[in-house]
Amino acid sequence: MGSGTSALLIVGIAIGAVVLLAIILVVWGVGIYNQLVTLRNRFKNAFAQIDVQLKRRYDLIPNLVEVAKKYLSHERETLEAVIAARNAASSANVRASANPTDAGAVQQLMTAEGALSGTLGRLFALAEAYPDLKANTTMAQLSEELTSTENKVSFARQAYNDAVMGYNTAREIFPNTIIAGICSFQPAQLFEIENAVERQAPKVAFT
């Protein structure tokens, strides 16, 4: 075998090795990319479950306030605060549900939800002093539905946070972080209400 043939053979082997390495890298990158997409879709779907329950909550609150208004007409400031907080939370939820990967939008929703829970808590605390309102069957029914919805929100939020943790962990570990950076997989925002008082669901006890 001549030196020219040997050189060509070596070059061919080198090119083959480079091509094989490139194929391996592409397959590796595609695998990580697909994993991140799957995990991202998982937490987006989990957020959709939160969205369903929050919308149910937002639908209940105006009816609740309307009933309370008949008994708490002189507590106009509190009632208006509840509606204002509800509207702010609803608007924030529209933005967050449109793009759950937007950490800023989810953070705004968390803040708005905390404020809403706080105002609802004040409304129910105020209502405790009005026996006629507590005895109202419509108020009791709405309050029960709201409590049930609050519980569903909590379960949905936990499922979402679990999915976010899985996604964030996957995008942060090496070598996934390389693909995450190249393909702009941004970190997802956990859904947590920081204020300990606001984190609790409003206490509803109309019997």
N, C-alpha and C. Protein backbone atom coordinates (compact mmCIF):
# COMPACT_ATOMS: atom_id res chain seq x y z
N MET A 1 0.86 -1.19 0.00
CA MET A 1 0.00 0.00 0.00
C MET A 1 0.89 1.23 0.00
N GLY A 2 0.65 2.15 -0.95
CA GLY A 2 1.48 3.32 -1.07
C GLY A 2 1.19 4.33 0.01
N SER A 3 2.15 5.27 0.15
CA SER A 3 1.99 6.30 1.17
C SER A 3 0.77 7.17 0.88
N GLY A 4 0.50 7.39 -0.43
CA GLY A 4 -0.66 8.21 -0.79
C GLY A 4 -1.95 7.55 -0.37
N THR A 5 -2.02 6.23 -0.59
CA THR A 5 -3.22 5.48 -0.21
C THR A 5 -3.41 5.48 1.30
N SER A 6 -2.30 5.33 2.03
CA SER A 6 -2.35 5.34 3.49
C SER A 6 -2.84 6.68 4.02
N ALA A 7 -2.36 7.75 3.38
CA ALA A 7 -2.76 9.09 3.80
C ALA A 7 -4.26 9.30 3.57
N LEU A 8 -4.72 8.81 2.41
CA LEU A 8 -6.15 8.95 2.11
C LEU A 8 -7.00 8.16 3.10
N LEU A 9 -6.47 6.97 3.46
CA LEU A 9 -7.18 6.12 4.42
C LEU A 9 -7.28 6.81 5.78
N ILE A 10 -6.18 7.41 6.18
CA ILE A 10 -6.16 8.11 7.48
C ILE A 10 -7.13 9.29 7.47
N VAL A 11 -7.11 10.03 6.36
CA VAL A 11 -8.01 11.18 6.23
C VAL A 11 -9.47 10.71 6.26
N GLY A 12 -9.73 9.61 5.55
CA GLY A 12 -11.08 9.07 5.51
C GLY A 12 -11.56 8.65 6.89
N ILE A 13 -10.65 7.99 7.63
CA ILE A 13 -11.00 7.57 9.00
C ILE A 13 -11.28 8.79 9.88
N ALA A 14 -10.44 9.81 9.72
CA ALA A 14 -10.61 11.03 10.52
C ALA A 14 -11.94 11.71 10.21
N ILE A 15 -12.24 11.80 8.93
CA ILE A 15 -13.51 12.42 8.53
C ILE A 15 -14.68 11.60 9.05
N GLY A 16 -14.58 10.28 8.94
CA GLY A 16 -15.63 9.40 9.44
C GLY A 16 -15.84 9.58 10.94
N ALA A 17 -14.72 9.71 11.67
CA ALA A 17 -14.80 9.89 13.13
C ALA A 17 -15.48 11.22 13.47
N VAL A 18 -15.13 12.26 12.70
CA VAL A 18 -15.73 13.58 12.93
C VAL A 18 -17.23 13.54 12.66
N VAL A 19 -17.60 12.90 11.54
CA VAL A 19 -19.01 12.79 11.19
C VAL A 19 -19.77 12.01 12.25
N LEU A 20 -19.16 10.89 12.71
CA LEU A 20 -19.80 10.08 13.74
C LEU A 20 -19.99 10.87 15.03
N LEU A 21 -18.94 11.63 15.39
CA LEU A 21 -19.03 12.45 16.60
C LEU A 21 -20.13 13.51 16.46
N ALA A 22 -20.20 14.11 15.27
CA ALA A 22 -21.22 15.12 15.02
C ALA A 22 -22.62 14.53 15.15
N ILE A 23 -22.79 13.32 14.60
CA ILE A 23 -24.09 12.66 14.70
C ILE A 23 -24.46 12.37 16.15
N ILE A 24 -23.46 11.90 16.91
CA ILE A 24 -23.69 11.60 18.32
C ILE A 24 -24.10 12.86 19.08
N LEU A 25 -23.39 13.97 18.79
CA LEU A 25 -23.69 15.24 19.46
C LEU A 25 -25.09 15.74 19.10
N VAL A 26 -25.46 15.59 17.83
CA VAL A 26 -26.79 16.03 17.40
C VAL A 26 -27.88 15.19 18.09
N VAL A 27 -27.68 13.88 18.10
CA VAL A 27 -28.66 13.00 18.75
C VAL A 27 -28.76 13.32 20.23
N TRP A 28 -27.62 13.54 20.85
CA TRP A 28 -27.58 13.90 22.27
C TRP A 28 -28.32 15.21 22.51
N GLY A 29 -28.03 16.21 21.68
CA GLY A 29 -28.68 17.51 21.84
C GLY A 29 -30.18 17.45 21.61
N VAL A 30 -30.59 16.70 20.60
CA VAL A 30 -32.02 16.56 20.31
C VAL A 30 -32.73 15.85 21.47
N GLY A 31 -32.09 14.86 22.07
CA GLY A 31 -32.68 14.15 23.19
C GLY A 31 -32.91 15.07 24.37
N ILE A 32 -31.92 15.90 24.70
CA ILE A 32 -32.06 16.84 25.81
C ILE A 32 -33.12 17.89 25.49
N TYR A 33 -33.10 18.39 24.25
CA TYR A 33 -34.07 19.39 23.83
C TYR A 33 -35.50 18.85 23.98
N ASN A 34 -35.71 17.63 23.51
CA ASN A 34 -37.04 17.04 23.61
C ASN A 34 -37.47 16.82 25.06
N GLN A 35 -36.50 16.46 25.91
CA GLN A 35 -36.81 16.28 27.33
C GLN A 35 -37.25 17.60 27.96
N LEU A 36 -36.54 18.68 27.63
CA LEU A 36 -36.89 19.99 28.19
C LEU A 36 -38.25 20.47 27.68
N VAL A 37 -38.53 20.22 26.41
CA VAL A 37 -39.83 20.59 25.85
C VAL A 37 -40.95 19.83 26.56
N THR A 38 -40.73 18.54 26.79
CA THR A 38 -41.73 17.72 27.48
C THR A 38 -42.00 18.24 28.88
N LEU A 39 -40.93 18.55 29.61
CA LEU A 39 -41.08 19.04 30.98
C LEU A 39 -41.70 20.44 31.00
N ARG A 40 -41.37 21.26 30.02
CA ARG A 40 -41.97 22.59 29.94
C ARG A 40 -43.47 22.49 29.66
N ASN A 41 -43.85 21.62 28.75
CA ASN A 41 -45.27 21.42 28.45
C ASN A 41 -46.02 20.86 29.66
N ARG A 42 -45.30 20.07 30.46
CA ARG A 42 -45.93 19.48 31.63
C ARG A 42 -46.30 20.56 32.66
N PHE A 43 -45.39 21.50 32.90
CA PHE A 43 -45.73 22.52 33.89
C PHE A 43 -46.71 23.54 33.31
N LYS A 44 -46.69 23.74 31.99
CA LYS A 44 -47.69 24.62 31.38
C LYS A 44 -49.09 24.01 31.50
N ASN A 45 -49.18 22.70 31.32
CA ASN A 45 -50.46 22.02 31.49
C ASN A 45 -50.91 22.07 32.94
N ALA A 46 -49.96 21.94 33.85
CA ALA A 46 -50.30 22.01 35.28
C ALA A 46 -50.82 23.40 35.62
N PHE A 47 -50.26 24.43 35.00
CA PHE A 47 -50.75 25.79 35.25
C PHE A 47 -52.18 25.93 34.73
N ALA A 48 -52.49 25.27 33.64
CA ALA A 48 -53.84 25.34 33.08
C ALA A 48 -54.87 24.84 34.09
N GLN A 49 -54.48 23.89 34.93
CA GLN A 49 -55.39 23.39 35.96
C GLN A 49 -55.61 24.44 37.05
N ILE A 50 -54.57 25.20 37.36
CA ILE A 50 -54.71 26.32 38.30
C ILE A 50 -55.66 27.35 37.70
N ASP A 51 -55.46 27.64 36.43
CA ASP A 51 -56.28 28.64 35.73
C ASP A 51 -57.77 28.30 35.82
N VAL A 52 -58.11 27.04 35.63
CA VAL A 52 -59.51 26.61 35.69
C VAL A 52 -60.12 26.93 37.06
N GLN A 53 -59.38 26.61 38.12
CA GLN A 53 -59.89 26.83 39.47
C GLN A 53 -59.93 28.31 39.83
N LEU A 54 -58.94 29.06 39.39
CA LEU A 54 -58.94 30.49 39.69
C LEU A 54 -60.10 31.20 39.01
N LYS A 55 -60.40 30.81 37.78
CA LYS A 55 -61.53 31.42 37.08
C LYS A 55 -62.84 31.11 37.81
N ARG A 56 -62.95 29.90 38.32
CA ARG A 56 -64.13 29.54 39.11
C ARG A 56 -64.20 30.42 40.35
N ARG A 57 -63.08 30.66 40.97
CA ARG A 57 -63.02 31.53 42.15
C ARG A 57 -63.44 32.95 41.80
N TYR A 58 -62.93 33.46 40.70
CA TYR A 58 -63.26 34.83 40.30
C TYR A 58 -64.74 34.97 39.97
N ASP A 59 -65.36 33.91 39.47
CA ASP A 59 -66.80 33.95 39.16
C ASP A 59 -67.65 33.97 40.42
N LEU A 60 -67.16 33.32 41.47
CA LEU A 60 -67.93 33.23 42.71
C LEU A 60 -67.90 34.53 43.52
N ILE A 61 -66.78 35.21 43.49
CA ILE A 61 -66.59 36.37 44.37
C ILE A 61 -67.61 37.49 44.16
N PRO A 62 -67.91 37.91 42.92
CA PRO A 62 -68.91 38.98 42.76
C PRO A 62 -70.27 38.61 43.34
N ASN A 63 -70.67 37.36 43.19
CA ASN A 63 -71.94 36.91 43.77
C ASN A 63 -71.90 36.97 45.29
N LEU A 64 -70.75 36.58 45.84
CA LEU A 64 -70.58 36.61 47.29
C LEU A 64 -70.69 38.05 47.80
N VAL A 65 -70.03 38.96 47.13
CA VAL A 65 -70.06 40.37 47.53
C VAL A 65 -71.46 40.95 47.38
N GLU A 66 -72.16 40.55 46.33
CA GLU A 66 -73.52 41.06 46.10
C GLU A 66 -74.45 40.67 47.24
N VAL A 67 -74.32 39.45 47.73
CA VAL A 67 -75.14 39.01 48.86
C VAL A 67 -74.74 39.77 50.13
N ALA A 68 -73.43 39.88 50.35
CA ALA A 68 -72.94 40.56 51.55
C ALA A 68 -73.33 42.03 51.56
N LYS A 69 -73.45 42.62 50.39
CA LYS A 69 -73.76 44.04 50.27
C LYS A 69 -75.10 44.38 50.93
N LYS A 70 -76.04 43.44 50.90
CA LYS A 70 -77.36 43.68 51.48
C LYS A 70 -77.29 43.84 53.00
N TYR A 71 -76.25 43.25 53.59
CA TYR A 71 -76.12 43.30 55.04
C TYR A 71 -74.99 44.23 55.48
N LEU A 72 -74.06 44.50 54.58
CA LEU A 72 -72.88 45.31 54.93
C LEU A 72 -72.80 46.57 54.07
N SER A 73 -73.93 47.17 53.83
CA SER A 73 -73.95 48.34 52.95
C SER A 73 -73.06 49.48 53.46
N HIS A 74 -72.91 49.57 54.78
CA HIS A 74 -72.08 50.63 55.36
C HIS A 74 -70.59 50.25 55.36
N GLU A 75 -70.28 49.03 54.91
CA GLU A 75 -68.88 48.58 54.82
C GLU A 75 -68.43 48.63 53.35
N ARG A 76 -68.79 49.69 52.70
CA ARG A 76 -68.55 49.82 51.26
C ARG A 76 -67.07 49.70 50.90
N GLU A 77 -66.22 50.26 51.73
CA GLU A 77 -64.78 50.25 51.43
C GLU A 77 -64.24 48.82 51.35
N THR A 78 -64.67 47.98 52.29
CA THR A 78 -64.21 46.58 52.30
C THR A 78 -64.72 45.84 51.08
N LEU A 79 -65.99 46.03 50.76
CA LEU A 79 -66.58 45.35 49.61
C LEU A 79 -65.91 45.78 48.31
N GLU A 80 -65.66 47.06 48.18
CA GLU A 80 -65.01 47.56 46.96
C GLU A 80 -63.58 47.05 46.87
N ALA A 81 -62.92 46.90 48.02
CA ALA A 81 -61.55 46.39 48.03
C ALA A 81 -61.50 44.95 47.54
N VAL A 82 -62.51 44.17 47.92
CA VAL A 82 -62.58 42.77 47.47
C VAL A 82 -62.73 42.71 45.95
N ILE A 83 -63.66 43.51 45.42
CA ILE A 83 -63.89 43.51 43.97
C ILE A 83 -62.66 44.01 43.23
N ALA A 84 -62.02 45.04 43.74
CA ALA A 84 -60.82 45.57 43.09
C ALA A 84 -59.70 44.53 43.08
N ALA A 85 -59.54 43.82 44.21
CA ALA A 85 -58.51 42.78 44.29
C ALA A 85 -58.84 41.62 43.36
N ARG A 86 -60.13 41.29 43.29
CA ARG A 86 -60.57 40.22 42.39
C ARG A 86 -60.27 40.57 40.94
N ASN A 87 -60.58 41.80 40.54
CA ASN A 87 -60.34 42.23 39.17
C ASN A 87 -58.85 42.25 38.83
N ALA A 88 -58.04 42.69 39.79
CA ALA A 88 -56.59 42.73 39.58
C ALA A 88 -56.03 41.32 39.43
N ALA A 89 -56.51 40.40 40.26
CA ALA A 89 -56.05 39.01 40.18
C ALA A 89 -56.50 38.36 38.88
N SER A 90 -57.73 38.66 38.46
CA SER A 90 -58.23 38.10 37.21
C SER A 90 -57.40 38.57 36.02
N SER A 91 -57.07 39.85 36.00
CA SER A 91 -56.24 40.40 34.91
C SER A 91 -54.85 39.78 34.92
N ALA A 92 -54.28 39.62 36.11
CA ALA A 92 -52.96 39.01 36.22
C ALA A 92 -53.00 37.56 35.76
N ASN A 93 -54.10 36.88 36.05
CA ASN A 93 -54.22 35.48 35.65
C ASN A 93 -54.31 35.34 34.13
N VAL A 94 -54.98 36.30 33.48
CA VAL A 94 -55.08 36.27 32.02
C VAL A 94 -53.68 36.33 31.41
N ARG A 95 -52.84 37.20 31.95
CA ARG A 95 -51.46 37.34 31.43
C ARG A 95 -50.64 36.08 31.70
N ALA A 96 -50.77 35.56 32.90
CA ALA A 96 -49.97 34.39 33.26
C ALA A 96 -50.42 33.14 32.50
N SER A 97 -51.72 32.96 32.35
CA SER A 97 -52.22 31.77 31.65
C SER A 97 -51.90 31.82 30.16
N ALA A 98 -51.73 33.03 29.62
CA ALA A 98 -51.37 33.16 28.20
C ALA A 98 -49.95 32.67 27.97
N ASN A 99 -49.10 32.78 29.00
CA ASN A 99 -47.71 32.33 28.86
C ASN A 99 -47.14 31.99 30.24
N PRO A 100 -47.40 30.77 30.73
CA PRO A 100 -46.89 30.37 32.04
C PRO A 100 -45.36 30.33 32.13
N THR A 101 -44.69 30.38 30.98
CA THR A 101 -43.22 30.41 31.01
C THR A 101 -42.69 31.80 31.33
N ASP A 102 -43.57 32.80 31.37
CA ASP A 102 -43.18 34.16 31.72
C ASP A 102 -43.15 34.27 33.24
N ALA A 103 -41.95 34.18 33.81
CA ALA A 103 -41.82 34.19 35.27
C ALA A 103 -42.36 35.48 35.87
N GLY A 104 -42.19 36.60 35.16
CA GLY A 104 -42.68 37.87 35.67
C GLY A 104 -44.19 37.90 35.78
N ALA A 105 -44.88 37.32 34.80
CA ALA A 105 -46.34 37.29 34.82
C ALA A 105 -46.84 36.40 35.95
N VAL A 106 -46.17 35.29 36.17
CA VAL A 106 -46.57 34.39 37.26
C VAL A 106 -46.33 35.06 38.61
N GLN A 107 -45.23 35.81 38.71
CA GLN A 107 -44.93 36.53 39.95
C GLN A 107 -46.00 37.58 40.23
N GLN A 108 -46.44 38.29 39.21
CA GLN A 108 -47.50 39.29 39.38
C GLN A 108 -48.80 38.63 39.83
N LEU A 109 -49.09 37.45 39.28
CA LEU A 109 -50.29 36.73 39.68
C LEU A 109 -50.20 36.32 41.15
N MET A 110 -49.04 35.86 41.57
CA MET A 110 -48.86 35.47 42.96
C MET A 110 -49.13 36.66 43.89
N THR A 111 -48.60 37.81 43.52
CA THR A 111 -48.81 39.02 44.33
C THR A 111 -50.29 39.39 44.38
N ALA A 112 -50.95 39.35 43.21
CA ALA A 112 -52.37 39.70 43.14
C ALA A 112 -53.22 38.71 43.93
N GLU A 113 -52.87 37.43 43.85
CA GLU A 113 -53.62 36.41 44.58
C GLU A 113 -53.46 36.58 46.09
N GLY A 114 -52.26 36.95 46.50
CA GLY A 114 -52.03 37.21 47.92
C GLY A 114 -52.90 38.35 48.42
N ALA A 115 -52.98 39.41 47.61
CA ALA A 115 -53.81 40.56 47.99
C ALA A 115 -55.29 40.18 48.04
N LEU A 116 -55.73 39.36 47.08
CA LEU A 116 -57.12 38.93 47.05
C LEU A 116 -57.47 38.09 48.27
N SER A 117 -56.60 37.16 48.61
CA SER A 117 -56.84 36.32 49.79
C SER A 117 -56.92 37.17 51.05
N GLY A 118 -56.07 38.20 51.10
CA GLY A 118 -56.10 39.09 52.26
C GLY A 118 -57.41 39.84 52.39
N THR A 119 -57.92 40.38 51.28
CA THR A 119 -59.18 41.13 51.34
C THR A 119 -60.37 40.21 51.62
N LEU A 120 -60.34 39.00 51.06
CA LEU A 120 -61.42 38.04 51.36
C LEU A 120 -61.41 37.66 52.83
N GLY A 121 -60.23 37.49 53.37
CA GLY A 121 -60.11 37.17 54.79
C GLY A 121 -60.72 38.27 55.66
N ARG A 122 -60.48 39.51 55.27
CA ARG A 122 -61.05 40.63 56.04
C ARG A 122 -62.57 40.67 55.91
N LEU A 123 -63.07 40.33 54.72
CA LEU A 123 -64.53 40.31 54.52
C LEU A 123 -65.18 39.25 55.40
N PHE A 124 -64.61 38.06 55.43
CA PHE A 124 -65.21 36.99 56.23
C PHE A 124 -65.09 37.27 57.73
N ALA A 125 -63.99 37.90 58.11
CA ALA A 125 -63.85 38.27 59.52
C ALA A 125 -64.90 39.29 59.91
N LEU A 126 -65.17 40.22 59.01
CA LEU A 126 -66.19 41.24 59.26
C LEU A 126 -67.58 40.61 59.33
N ALA A 127 -67.83 39.65 58.43
CA ALA A 127 -69.15 39.02 58.36
C ALA A 127 -69.48 38.23 59.62
N GLU A 128 -68.46 37.82 60.36
CA GLU A 128 -68.69 37.06 61.59
C GLU A 128 -69.55 37.84 62.58
N ALA A 129 -69.50 39.16 62.48
CA ALA A 129 -70.24 40.01 63.44
C ALA A 129 -71.69 40.23 63.03
N TYR A 130 -72.13 39.62 61.92
CA TYR A 130 -73.49 39.83 61.42
C TYR A 130 -74.23 38.49 61.33
N PRO A 131 -74.97 38.15 62.38
CA PRO A 131 -75.69 36.85 62.41
C PRO A 131 -76.63 36.64 61.23
N ASP A 132 -77.31 37.70 60.82
CA ASP A 132 -78.25 37.55 59.70
C ASP A 132 -77.51 37.16 58.42
N LEU A 133 -76.35 37.73 58.21
CA LEU A 133 -75.55 37.40 57.02
C LEU A 133 -75.04 35.97 57.11
N LYS A 134 -74.61 35.57 58.28
CA LYS A 134 -74.11 34.20 58.46
C LYS A 134 -75.22 33.18 58.24
N ALA A 135 -76.45 33.58 58.55
CA ALA A 135 -77.58 32.66 58.42
C ALA A 135 -78.14 32.62 57.00
N ASN A 136 -77.70 33.51 56.14
CA ASN A 136 -78.20 33.55 54.77
C ASN A 136 -77.77 32.30 54.01
N THR A 137 -78.75 31.56 53.48
CA THR A 137 -78.45 30.28 52.83
C THR A 137 -77.61 30.46 51.56
N THR A 138 -77.89 31.53 50.82
CA THR A 138 -77.11 31.77 49.60
C THR A 138 -75.66 32.06 49.94
N MET A 139 -75.46 32.87 50.98
CA MET A 139 -74.10 33.19 51.42
C MET A 139 -73.37 31.93 51.88
N ALA A 140 -74.10 31.08 52.59
CA ALA A 140 -73.50 29.84 53.07
C ALA A 140 -73.09 28.94 51.90
N GLN A 141 -73.96 28.85 50.90
CA GLN A 141 -73.66 28.02 49.74
C GLN A 141 -72.47 28.56 48.96
N LEU A 142 -72.46 29.88 48.73
CA LEU A 142 -71.34 30.47 48.00
C LEU A 142 -70.03 30.31 48.76
N SER A 143 -70.11 30.46 50.06
CA SER A 143 -68.91 30.32 50.89
C SER A 143 -68.37 28.90 50.85
N GLU A 144 -69.30 27.93 50.85
CA GLU A 144 -68.89 26.53 50.77
C GLU A 144 -68.22 26.23 49.42
N GLU A 145 -68.81 26.77 48.36
CA GLU A 145 -68.23 26.58 47.03
C GLU A 145 -66.86 27.24 46.93
N LEU A 146 -66.73 28.40 47.56
CA LEU A 146 -65.45 29.10 47.53
C LEU A 146 -64.38 28.32 48.28
N THR A 147 -64.77 27.76 49.43
CA THR A 147 -63.84 26.94 50.20
C THR A 147 -63.37 25.73 49.40
N SER A 148 -64.33 25.08 48.73
CA SER A 148 -63.99 23.92 47.90
C SER A 148 -63.04 24.33 46.77
N THR A 149 -63.30 25.48 46.18
CA THR A 149 -62.44 25.96 45.09
C THR A 149 -61.05 26.30 45.60
N GLU A 150 -60.99 26.90 46.79
CA GLU A 150 -59.68 27.23 47.38
C GLU A 150 -58.85 25.96 47.57
N ASN A 151 -59.50 24.90 48.02
CA ASN A 151 -58.78 23.64 48.21
C ASN A 151 -58.27 23.08 46.89
N LYS A 152 -59.10 23.19 45.85
CA LYS A 152 -58.68 22.71 44.53
C LYS A 152 -57.53 23.54 43.98
N VAL A 153 -57.56 24.85 44.26
CA VAL A 153 -56.46 25.70 43.84
C VAL A 153 -55.16 25.25 44.51
N SER A 154 -55.25 24.93 45.79
CA SER A 154 -54.06 24.48 46.53
C SER A 154 -53.48 23.20 45.95
N PHE A 155 -54.35 22.24 45.63
CA PHE A 155 -53.88 20.99 45.04
C PHE A 155 -53.26 21.23 43.66
N ALA A 156 -53.93 22.07 42.87
CA ALA A 156 -53.42 22.37 41.52
C ALA A 156 -52.10 23.10 41.60
N ARG A 157 -51.97 23.99 42.57
CA ARG A 157 -50.73 24.75 42.74
C ARG A 157 -49.58 23.82 43.12
N GLN A 158 -49.86 22.83 43.98
CA GLN A 158 -48.83 21.88 44.38
C GLN A 158 -48.36 21.06 43.18
N ALA A 159 -49.32 20.61 42.35
CA ALA A 159 -48.97 19.84 41.16
C ALA A 159 -48.13 20.68 40.20
N TYR A 160 -48.50 21.94 40.07
CA TYR A 160 -47.74 22.85 39.21
C TYR A 160 -46.32 23.04 39.74
N ASN A 161 -46.19 23.28 41.03
CA ASN A 161 -44.87 23.49 41.62
C ASN A 161 -43.98 22.25 41.47
N ASP A 162 -44.57 21.07 41.60
CA ASP A 162 -43.81 19.83 41.41
C ASP A 162 -43.29 19.76 39.96
N ALA A 163 -44.16 20.12 39.01
CA ALA A 163 -43.76 20.09 37.60
C ALA A 163 -42.67 21.14 37.32
N VAL A 164 -42.80 22.29 37.93
CA VAL A 164 -41.79 23.35 37.75
C VAL A 164 -40.45 22.90 38.32
N MET A 165 -40.47 22.27 39.48
CA MET A 165 -39.23 21.79 40.09
C MET A 165 -38.54 20.79 39.18
N GLY A 166 -39.33 19.88 38.58
CA GLY A 166 -38.76 18.90 37.66
C GLY A 166 -38.13 19.55 36.45
N TYR A 167 -38.82 20.55 35.90
CA TYR A 167 -38.30 21.27 34.73
C TYR A 167 -37.05 22.06 35.08
N ASN A 168 -37.11 22.84 36.16
CA ASN A 168 -35.96 23.67 36.53
C ASN A 168 -34.73 22.83 36.85
N THR A 169 -34.94 21.69 37.51
CA THR A 169 -33.82 20.81 37.82
C THR A 169 -33.19 20.27 36.54
N ALA A 170 -34.06 19.85 35.61
CA ALA A 170 -33.57 19.29 34.34
C ALA A 170 -32.78 20.31 33.54
N ARG A 171 -33.21 21.57 33.55
CA ARG A 171 -32.53 22.60 32.74
C ARG A 171 -31.24 23.09 33.41
N GLU A 172 -31.10 22.86 34.72
CA GLU A 172 -29.94 23.37 35.44
C GLU A 172 -28.78 22.38 35.51
N ILE A 173 -29.07 21.08 35.37
CA ILE A 173 -27.99 20.11 35.51
C ILE A 173 -27.12 20.08 34.25
N PHE A 174 -25.88 19.72 34.44
CA PHE A 174 -24.95 19.59 33.31
C PHE A 174 -25.07 18.17 32.74
N PRO A 175 -25.08 18.02 31.41
CA PRO A 175 -24.86 19.04 30.38
C PRO A 175 -26.13 19.68 29.81
N ASN A 176 -27.29 19.39 30.44
CA ASN A 176 -28.54 19.96 29.93
C ASN A 176 -28.51 21.48 29.86
N THR A 177 -27.78 22.07 30.81
CA THR A 177 -27.73 23.53 30.87
C THR A 177 -27.17 24.15 29.58
N ILE A 178 -26.35 23.38 28.87
CA ILE A 178 -25.78 23.89 27.61
C ILE A 178 -26.90 24.04 26.58
N ILE A 179 -27.70 23.00 26.41
CA ILE A 179 -28.81 23.04 25.46
C ILE A 179 -29.85 24.05 25.90
N ALA A 180 -30.10 24.13 27.20
CA ALA A 180 -31.09 25.08 27.72
C ALA A 180 -30.67 26.51 27.39
N GLY A 181 -29.38 26.78 27.51
CA GLY A 181 -28.89 28.12 27.20
C GLY A 181 -28.96 28.42 25.71
N ILE A 182 -28.54 27.48 24.89
CA ILE A 182 -28.54 27.68 23.44
C ILE A 182 -29.96 27.87 22.92
N CYS A 183 -30.90 27.11 23.46
CA CYS A 183 -32.29 27.12 22.95
C CYS A 183 -33.22 28.01 23.78
N SER A 184 -32.66 28.79 24.69
CA SER A 184 -33.42 29.78 25.47
C SER A 184 -34.54 29.17 26.31
N PHE A 185 -34.24 28.09 27.01
CA PHE A 185 -35.20 27.53 27.97
C PHE A 185 -35.02 28.30 29.28
N GLN A 186 -35.95 29.22 29.56
CA GLN A 186 -35.85 30.06 30.74
C GLN A 186 -36.36 29.34 31.99
N PRO A 187 -35.86 29.70 33.17
CA PRO A 187 -36.37 29.07 34.40
C PRO A 187 -37.82 29.40 34.62
N ALA A 188 -38.56 28.46 35.18
CA ALA A 188 -39.99 28.67 35.47
C ALA A 188 -40.14 29.16 36.90
N GLN A 189 -41.23 29.89 37.13
CA GLN A 189 -41.50 30.48 38.45
C GLN A 189 -42.44 29.59 39.26
N LEU A 190 -42.01 29.27 40.47
CA LEU A 190 -42.90 28.55 41.38
C LEU A 190 -44.08 29.44 41.75
N PHE A 191 -45.20 28.83 42.06
CA PHE A 191 -46.39 29.57 42.46
C PHE A 191 -46.51 29.47 43.97
N GLU A 192 -45.94 30.45 44.66
CA GLU A 192 -45.96 30.46 46.12
C GLU A 192 -46.35 31.84 46.61
N ILE A 193 -47.22 31.89 47.59
CA ILE A 193 -47.59 33.16 48.21
C ILE A 193 -46.72 33.33 49.43
N GLU A 194 -45.91 34.38 49.44
CA GLU A 194 -44.87 34.53 50.45
C GLU A 194 -45.41 34.90 51.82
N ASN A 195 -46.41 35.80 51.86
CA ASN A 195 -46.95 36.24 53.14
C ASN A 195 -47.68 35.08 53.82
N ALA A 196 -47.29 34.77 55.05
CA ALA A 196 -47.86 33.61 55.75
C ALA A 196 -49.36 33.75 55.96
N VAL A 197 -49.84 34.97 56.20
CA VAL A 197 -51.27 35.18 56.40
C VAL A 197 -52.01 35.01 55.09
N GLU A 198 -51.47 35.60 54.02
CA GLU A 198 -52.12 35.54 52.73
C GLU A 198 -52.08 34.14 52.14
N ARG A 199 -51.10 33.33 52.55
CA ARG A 199 -50.96 31.99 52.01
C ARG A 199 -52.14 31.11 52.42
N GLN A 200 -52.76 31.41 53.56
CA GLN A 200 -53.87 30.59 54.02
C GLN A 200 -55.13 30.92 53.24
N ALA A 201 -55.89 29.89 52.92
CA ALA A 201 -57.18 30.11 52.27
C ALA A 201 -58.09 30.86 53.24
N PRO A 202 -58.93 31.76 52.76
CA PRO A 202 -59.85 32.48 53.64
C PRO A 202 -60.70 31.50 54.44
N LYS A 203 -60.83 31.81 55.72
CA LYS A 203 -61.62 30.94 56.60
C LYS A 203 -63.11 31.24 56.40
N VAL A 204 -63.83 30.25 55.95
CA VAL A 204 -65.25 30.42 55.66
C VAL A 204 -66.03 29.50 56.60
N ALA A 205 -66.86 30.07 57.45
CA ALA A 205 -67.60 29.25 58.41
C ALA A 205 -69.01 29.81 58.56
N PHE A 206 -69.82 29.66 57.54
CA PHE A 206 -71.21 30.12 57.60
C PHE A 206 -72.12 28.92 57.83
N THR A 207 -72.64 28.82 59.02
CA THR A 207 -73.52 27.71 59.37
C THR A 207 -74.75 28.21 60.09
